[in-house]
N, C-alpha and C. Protein backbone atom coordinates (compact mmCIF):
# COMPACT_ATOMS: atom_id res chain seq x y z
N MET A 1 15.24 -21.74 -14.87
CA MET A 1 16.10 -22.90 -14.90
C MET A 1 17.20 -22.71 -13.85
N ASN A 2 17.42 -23.71 -13.03
CA ASN A 2 18.40 -23.63 -11.95
C ASN A 2 19.67 -24.39 -12.33
N ILE A 3 20.67 -23.68 -12.83
CA ILE A 3 21.94 -24.30 -13.23
C ILE A 3 23.08 -23.63 -12.47
N GLU A 4 23.92 -24.46 -11.83
CA GLU A 4 25.11 -23.97 -11.13
C GLU A 4 26.33 -24.67 -11.72
N ARG A 5 27.42 -23.96 -11.80
CA ARG A 5 28.68 -24.52 -12.30
C ARG A 5 29.73 -24.39 -11.20
N ASN A 6 30.52 -25.47 -11.00
CA ASN A 6 31.46 -25.45 -9.88
C ASN A 6 32.75 -26.19 -10.22
N ASN A 7 33.87 -25.61 -9.80
CA ASN A 7 35.17 -26.27 -9.94
C ASN A 7 35.72 -26.76 -8.61
N TYR A 8 35.14 -26.38 -7.50
CA TYR A 8 35.54 -26.77 -6.15
C TYR A 8 36.99 -26.38 -5.83
N THR A 9 37.16 -25.75 -4.70
CA THR A 9 38.49 -25.31 -4.30
C THR A 9 39.40 -26.47 -3.90
N PHE A 10 38.83 -27.61 -3.55
CA PHE A 10 39.65 -28.77 -3.16
C PHE A 10 40.12 -29.60 -4.36
N MET A 11 39.71 -29.23 -5.56
CA MET A 11 40.12 -29.93 -6.78
C MET A 11 41.07 -29.01 -7.56
N PRO A 12 42.00 -29.60 -8.32
CA PRO A 12 42.85 -28.76 -9.18
C PRO A 12 41.99 -28.03 -10.20
N GLU A 13 42.41 -26.86 -10.56
CA GLU A 13 41.70 -26.07 -11.58
C GLU A 13 41.74 -26.83 -12.91
N PRO A 14 40.63 -26.92 -13.63
CA PRO A 14 40.66 -27.58 -14.94
C PRO A 14 41.66 -26.92 -15.87
N ILE A 15 42.25 -27.71 -16.75
CA ILE A 15 43.24 -27.17 -17.68
C ILE A 15 42.63 -26.81 -19.03
N GLY A 16 41.32 -26.90 -19.11
CA GLY A 16 40.63 -26.55 -20.35
C GLY A 16 39.43 -25.67 -20.06
N PRO A 17 38.69 -25.30 -21.08
CA PRO A 17 37.53 -24.42 -20.92
C PRO A 17 36.28 -25.21 -20.51
N TYR A 18 36.26 -25.70 -19.29
CA TYR A 18 35.10 -26.45 -18.78
C TYR A 18 35.07 -26.33 -17.26
N VAL A 19 33.98 -26.77 -16.67
CA VAL A 19 33.87 -26.85 -15.21
C VAL A 19 33.80 -28.32 -14.82
N ARG A 20 34.17 -28.60 -13.60
CA ARG A 20 34.15 -29.99 -13.11
C ARG A 20 32.73 -30.53 -12.98
N VAL A 21 31.81 -29.68 -12.51
CA VAL A 21 30.43 -30.13 -12.26
C VAL A 21 29.44 -29.06 -12.70
N VAL A 22 28.38 -29.53 -13.33
CA VAL A 22 27.23 -28.67 -13.58
C VAL A 22 26.08 -29.31 -12.80
N LYS A 23 25.46 -28.48 -11.94
CA LYS A 23 24.31 -28.96 -11.16
C LYS A 23 23.06 -28.35 -11.75
N HIS A 24 22.13 -29.23 -12.11
CA HIS A 24 20.83 -28.79 -12.62
C HIS A 24 19.77 -29.39 -11.73
N ASN A 25 19.06 -28.53 -11.02
CA ASN A 25 18.08 -28.97 -10.03
C ASN A 25 18.75 -29.94 -9.05
N SER A 26 18.35 -31.20 -9.04
CA SER A 26 18.90 -32.17 -8.08
C SER A 26 19.80 -33.20 -8.74
N VAL A 27 20.45 -32.81 -9.83
CA VAL A 27 21.32 -33.74 -10.55
C VAL A 27 22.68 -33.08 -10.81
N LEU A 28 23.74 -33.83 -10.56
CA LEU A 28 25.12 -33.39 -10.84
C LEU A 28 25.60 -34.07 -12.11
N TYR A 29 26.18 -33.30 -13.00
CA TYR A 29 26.78 -33.81 -14.22
C TYR A 29 28.26 -33.54 -14.11
N LEU A 30 29.06 -34.60 -13.93
CA LEU A 30 30.50 -34.45 -13.75
C LEU A 30 31.22 -34.58 -15.08
N SER A 31 32.13 -33.65 -15.33
CA SER A 31 33.02 -33.77 -16.48
C SER A 31 33.90 -34.99 -16.28
N GLY A 32 34.58 -35.42 -17.31
CA GLY A 32 35.46 -36.57 -17.21
C GLY A 32 36.51 -36.38 -16.13
N VAL A 33 36.69 -37.41 -15.31
CA VAL A 33 37.67 -37.39 -14.23
C VAL A 33 38.76 -38.41 -14.54
N THR A 34 40.02 -38.02 -14.36
CA THR A 34 41.15 -38.92 -14.59
C THR A 34 42.03 -38.93 -13.33
N ALA A 35 43.08 -39.71 -13.37
CA ALA A 35 44.05 -39.75 -12.28
C ALA A 35 45.18 -38.74 -12.51
N PHE A 36 44.98 -37.80 -13.42
CA PHE A 36 46.00 -36.80 -13.75
C PHE A 36 46.47 -36.07 -12.50
N GLY A 37 47.77 -36.02 -12.30
CA GLY A 37 48.36 -35.29 -11.19
C GLY A 37 48.29 -35.99 -9.84
N THR A 38 47.85 -37.25 -9.84
CA THR A 38 47.77 -38.00 -8.59
C THR A 38 48.84 -39.09 -8.59
N LEU A 39 49.04 -39.71 -7.44
CA LEU A 39 49.99 -40.83 -7.36
C LEU A 39 49.56 -42.00 -8.24
N ALA A 40 48.26 -42.14 -8.45
CA ALA A 40 47.74 -43.26 -9.26
C ALA A 40 47.99 -43.08 -10.75
N GLN A 41 48.39 -41.90 -11.18
CA GLN A 41 48.56 -41.64 -12.62
C GLN A 41 49.46 -42.67 -13.29
N SER A 42 50.51 -43.13 -12.62
CA SER A 42 51.43 -44.08 -13.24
C SER A 42 51.22 -45.50 -12.72
N GLU A 43 50.10 -45.74 -12.04
CA GLU A 43 49.84 -47.08 -11.50
C GLU A 43 48.89 -47.87 -12.41
N SER A 44 48.39 -48.98 -11.90
CA SER A 44 47.51 -49.88 -12.67
C SER A 44 46.17 -49.22 -12.97
N ALA A 45 45.43 -49.82 -13.90
CA ALA A 45 44.10 -49.33 -14.24
C ALA A 45 43.20 -49.38 -13.01
N ALA A 46 43.30 -50.43 -12.20
CA ALA A 46 42.49 -50.54 -10.99
C ALA A 46 42.79 -49.40 -10.03
N ALA A 47 44.07 -49.07 -9.86
CA ALA A 47 44.46 -47.97 -8.96
C ALA A 47 43.93 -46.64 -9.50
N LYS A 48 43.97 -46.46 -10.82
CA LYS A 48 43.45 -45.24 -11.42
C LYS A 48 41.95 -45.12 -11.14
N VAL A 49 41.21 -46.21 -11.32
CA VAL A 49 39.76 -46.20 -11.11
C VAL A 49 39.44 -45.89 -9.65
N LYS A 50 40.17 -46.48 -8.72
CA LYS A 50 39.96 -46.17 -7.30
C LYS A 50 40.17 -44.68 -7.04
N ASP A 51 41.23 -44.13 -7.59
CA ASP A 51 41.52 -42.71 -7.42
C ASP A 51 40.43 -41.84 -8.03
N ILE A 52 40.00 -42.19 -9.22
CA ILE A 52 38.95 -41.43 -9.90
C ILE A 52 37.69 -41.41 -9.05
N PHE A 53 37.29 -42.57 -8.52
CA PHE A 53 36.07 -42.61 -7.71
C PHE A 53 36.25 -41.90 -6.37
N SER A 54 37.46 -41.83 -5.88
CA SER A 54 37.72 -41.03 -4.68
C SER A 54 37.45 -39.56 -4.98
N GLN A 55 37.88 -39.10 -6.15
CA GLN A 55 37.62 -37.72 -6.56
C GLN A 55 36.12 -37.48 -6.77
N ILE A 56 35.46 -38.44 -7.42
CA ILE A 56 34.02 -38.33 -7.66
C ILE A 56 33.27 -38.28 -6.33
N GLU A 57 33.70 -39.10 -5.39
CA GLU A 57 33.04 -39.12 -4.08
C GLU A 57 33.17 -37.76 -3.38
N LYS A 58 34.33 -37.14 -3.44
CA LYS A 58 34.53 -35.82 -2.82
C LYS A 58 33.60 -34.78 -3.43
N MET A 59 33.43 -34.82 -4.75
CA MET A 59 32.53 -33.86 -5.40
C MET A 59 31.08 -34.13 -5.02
N ALA A 60 30.70 -35.42 -4.97
CA ALA A 60 29.34 -35.78 -4.56
C ALA A 60 29.08 -35.31 -3.13
N GLN A 61 30.01 -35.56 -2.24
CA GLN A 61 29.85 -35.16 -0.84
C GLN A 61 29.74 -33.64 -0.70
N ALA A 62 30.45 -32.91 -1.52
CA ALA A 62 30.38 -31.45 -1.47
C ALA A 62 28.97 -30.95 -1.80
N GLU A 63 28.20 -31.79 -2.47
CA GLU A 63 26.82 -31.44 -2.86
C GLU A 63 25.80 -32.25 -2.05
N ASN A 64 26.23 -32.77 -0.90
CA ASN A 64 25.35 -33.56 -0.02
C ASN A 64 24.80 -34.81 -0.69
N SER A 65 25.64 -35.47 -1.47
CA SER A 65 25.28 -36.72 -2.10
C SER A 65 26.38 -37.73 -1.82
N SER A 66 26.33 -38.87 -2.52
CA SER A 66 27.33 -39.92 -2.30
C SER A 66 27.42 -40.81 -3.53
N LEU A 67 28.37 -41.73 -3.50
CA LEU A 67 28.52 -42.69 -4.60
C LEU A 67 27.29 -43.58 -4.74
N ALA A 68 26.53 -43.76 -3.67
CA ALA A 68 25.32 -44.58 -3.72
C ALA A 68 24.26 -43.95 -4.63
N ASN A 69 24.42 -42.67 -4.95
CA ASN A 69 23.44 -41.96 -5.77
C ASN A 69 23.88 -41.77 -7.21
N ILE A 70 24.91 -42.52 -7.63
CA ILE A 70 25.32 -42.43 -9.04
C ILE A 70 24.21 -43.02 -9.90
N ILE A 71 23.79 -42.25 -10.88
CA ILE A 71 22.76 -42.70 -11.81
C ILE A 71 23.40 -43.39 -13.00
N LYS A 72 24.48 -42.80 -13.53
CA LYS A 72 25.09 -43.29 -14.77
C LYS A 72 26.56 -42.92 -14.79
N ILE A 73 27.38 -43.82 -15.26
CA ILE A 73 28.77 -43.50 -15.55
C ILE A 73 29.06 -43.85 -17.01
N THR A 74 30.00 -43.11 -17.56
CA THR A 74 30.55 -43.45 -18.87
C THR A 74 32.06 -43.51 -18.68
N ALA A 75 32.64 -44.66 -18.96
CA ALA A 75 34.07 -44.86 -18.80
C ALA A 75 34.73 -44.95 -20.17
N PHE A 76 35.79 -44.19 -20.32
CA PHE A 76 36.58 -44.21 -21.55
C PHE A 76 37.93 -44.83 -21.20
N ALA A 77 38.33 -45.87 -21.92
CA ALA A 77 39.59 -46.56 -21.62
C ALA A 77 40.38 -46.78 -22.90
N THR A 78 41.69 -46.63 -22.79
CA THR A 78 42.54 -46.85 -23.95
C THR A 78 42.84 -48.32 -24.17
N ASP A 79 42.55 -49.14 -23.17
CA ASP A 79 42.83 -50.57 -23.27
C ASP A 79 41.86 -51.31 -22.36
N LEU A 80 41.16 -52.31 -22.87
CA LEU A 80 40.20 -53.06 -22.08
C LEU A 80 40.78 -54.39 -21.58
N VAL A 81 42.09 -54.57 -21.70
CA VAL A 81 42.73 -55.80 -21.27
C VAL A 81 42.51 -56.07 -19.78
N ASN A 82 42.54 -55.03 -18.97
CA ASN A 82 42.40 -55.17 -17.52
C ASN A 82 40.97 -55.00 -17.04
N ILE A 83 39.99 -55.20 -17.91
CA ILE A 83 38.60 -54.93 -17.55
C ILE A 83 38.12 -55.79 -16.38
N ALA A 84 38.56 -57.03 -16.28
CA ALA A 84 38.14 -57.90 -15.16
C ALA A 84 38.62 -57.32 -13.83
N GLU A 85 39.85 -56.83 -13.80
CA GLU A 85 40.42 -56.22 -12.60
C GLU A 85 39.65 -54.95 -12.24
N VAL A 86 39.32 -54.16 -13.23
CA VAL A 86 38.57 -52.93 -13.00
C VAL A 86 37.15 -53.24 -12.52
N ARG A 87 36.53 -54.25 -13.08
CA ARG A 87 35.17 -54.63 -12.65
C ARG A 87 35.15 -55.00 -11.18
N LYS A 88 36.16 -55.70 -10.69
CA LYS A 88 36.23 -56.05 -9.27
C LYS A 88 36.27 -54.79 -8.41
N VAL A 89 37.04 -53.81 -8.84
CA VAL A 89 37.11 -52.54 -8.12
C VAL A 89 35.73 -51.88 -8.11
N LEU A 90 35.07 -51.87 -9.26
CA LEU A 90 33.77 -51.23 -9.37
C LEU A 90 32.72 -51.91 -8.49
N VAL A 91 32.73 -53.22 -8.42
CA VAL A 91 31.80 -53.95 -7.54
C VAL A 91 31.98 -53.50 -6.10
N GLY A 92 33.23 -53.32 -5.68
CA GLY A 92 33.50 -52.85 -4.33
C GLY A 92 33.02 -51.43 -4.10
N ILE A 93 33.09 -50.61 -5.11
CA ILE A 93 32.66 -49.21 -4.99
C ILE A 93 31.13 -49.12 -4.99
N TYR A 94 30.48 -49.83 -5.90
CA TYR A 94 29.03 -49.71 -6.06
C TYR A 94 28.23 -50.45 -4.99
N GLY A 95 28.73 -51.60 -4.54
CA GLY A 95 27.93 -52.41 -3.63
C GLY A 95 26.61 -52.76 -4.31
N ASN A 96 25.51 -52.48 -3.63
CA ASN A 96 24.18 -52.77 -4.18
C ASN A 96 23.59 -51.62 -4.97
N HIS A 97 24.36 -50.57 -5.20
CA HIS A 97 23.86 -49.37 -5.89
C HIS A 97 24.43 -49.30 -7.30
N LEU A 98 24.09 -50.29 -8.12
CA LEU A 98 24.63 -50.35 -9.48
C LEU A 98 24.05 -49.23 -10.34
N PRO A 99 24.91 -48.47 -11.02
CA PRO A 99 24.41 -47.43 -11.93
C PRO A 99 24.23 -47.99 -13.33
N ALA A 100 23.58 -47.22 -14.17
CA ALA A 100 23.65 -47.49 -15.60
C ALA A 100 25.09 -47.19 -16.01
N SER A 101 25.60 -47.89 -17.01
CA SER A 101 27.02 -47.75 -17.31
C SER A 101 27.32 -48.03 -18.78
N SER A 102 28.30 -47.29 -19.28
CA SER A 102 28.83 -47.53 -20.63
C SER A 102 30.34 -47.54 -20.54
N ALA A 103 30.97 -48.45 -21.27
CA ALA A 103 32.43 -48.50 -21.36
C ALA A 103 32.82 -48.39 -22.83
N ILE A 104 33.68 -47.45 -23.12
CA ILE A 104 34.05 -47.17 -24.51
C ILE A 104 35.56 -47.21 -24.64
N GLN A 105 36.05 -48.01 -25.58
CA GLN A 105 37.49 -48.03 -25.84
C GLN A 105 37.83 -46.91 -26.80
N ILE A 106 38.88 -46.15 -26.43
CA ILE A 106 39.32 -45.03 -27.25
C ILE A 106 40.80 -45.20 -27.57
N SER A 107 41.29 -44.43 -28.51
CA SER A 107 42.70 -44.60 -28.90
C SER A 107 43.66 -43.93 -27.92
N ALA A 108 43.26 -42.80 -27.32
CA ALA A 108 44.17 -42.10 -26.41
C ALA A 108 43.42 -41.08 -25.58
N LEU A 109 44.04 -40.70 -24.46
CA LEU A 109 43.58 -39.57 -23.66
C LEU A 109 44.63 -38.47 -23.79
N PHE A 110 44.48 -37.37 -23.09
CA PHE A 110 45.37 -36.23 -23.28
C PHE A 110 46.79 -36.47 -22.76
N MET A 111 47.00 -37.54 -21.97
CA MET A 111 48.36 -37.95 -21.56
C MET A 111 48.44 -39.46 -21.71
N ASN A 112 49.56 -39.95 -22.21
CA ASN A 112 49.69 -41.38 -22.53
C ASN A 112 49.55 -42.32 -21.34
N ASP A 113 49.86 -41.86 -20.12
CA ASP A 113 49.81 -42.79 -18.98
C ASP A 113 48.50 -42.72 -18.20
N LEU A 114 47.49 -42.05 -18.70
CA LEU A 114 46.22 -41.97 -17.97
C LEU A 114 45.35 -43.21 -18.19
N HIS A 115 45.06 -43.57 -19.39
CA HIS A 115 44.35 -44.80 -19.77
C HIS A 115 42.86 -44.84 -19.43
N VAL A 116 42.39 -44.10 -18.41
CA VAL A 116 40.98 -44.17 -18.01
C VAL A 116 40.46 -42.77 -17.69
N GLU A 117 39.26 -42.48 -18.19
CA GLU A 117 38.54 -41.25 -17.83
C GLU A 117 37.09 -41.63 -17.60
N ILE A 118 36.49 -41.09 -16.54
CA ILE A 118 35.12 -41.46 -16.18
C ILE A 118 34.27 -40.21 -15.99
N GLU A 119 33.13 -40.19 -16.65
CA GLU A 119 32.11 -39.16 -16.45
C GLU A 119 31.02 -39.77 -15.56
N ALA A 120 30.35 -38.93 -14.78
CA ALA A 120 29.29 -39.45 -13.91
C ALA A 120 28.11 -38.48 -13.84
N ILE A 121 26.95 -39.07 -13.64
CA ILE A 121 25.73 -38.32 -13.35
C ILE A 121 25.26 -38.82 -11.99
N ILE A 122 25.05 -37.88 -11.06
CA ILE A 122 24.75 -38.25 -9.69
C ILE A 122 23.53 -37.48 -9.20
N ALA A 123 22.60 -38.19 -8.57
CA ALA A 123 21.41 -37.56 -7.98
C ALA A 123 21.78 -36.94 -6.63
N ILE A 124 21.13 -35.85 -6.31
CA ILE A 124 21.24 -35.24 -4.99
C ILE A 124 19.91 -35.54 -4.28
N PRO A 125 19.97 -36.35 -3.21
CA PRO A 125 18.70 -36.69 -2.56
C PRO A 125 18.04 -35.46 -1.92
N ALA A 126 16.72 -35.51 -1.85
CA ALA A 126 15.98 -34.44 -1.18
C ALA A 126 16.35 -34.43 0.29
N GLU A 127 16.40 -33.27 0.87
CA GLU A 127 16.74 -33.17 2.30
C GLU A 127 15.69 -33.88 3.11
N GLN A 128 16.15 -34.60 4.11
CA GLN A 128 15.26 -35.40 4.96
C GLN A 128 14.76 -34.61 6.13
């Protein structure tokens, strides 16, 4: 079984007992990503989502993949009031590469001003 675990030097060290990404064969499984510690942490839900996908994109690129190869996302949100605004952001990010997706409303995240956490599963294309 080919399993690799990575925290990436360009990302902050996780504050809990987990790794940012587990790679199994040609698939990346990303732990939940938030806007924690970024300028977007205290901004709108749309700004948080943009920041989160910027982080996801960096991790995908580190593994020779991209946002176009997202298979599935699971989004956890403390409030779905701004869902229309967030959907517009997501359409811009996904383009024609729509992933499978789940959105779950939760009562809280580990900090009150985060509001959004996103997990992702991303394919790594075969080398051309």
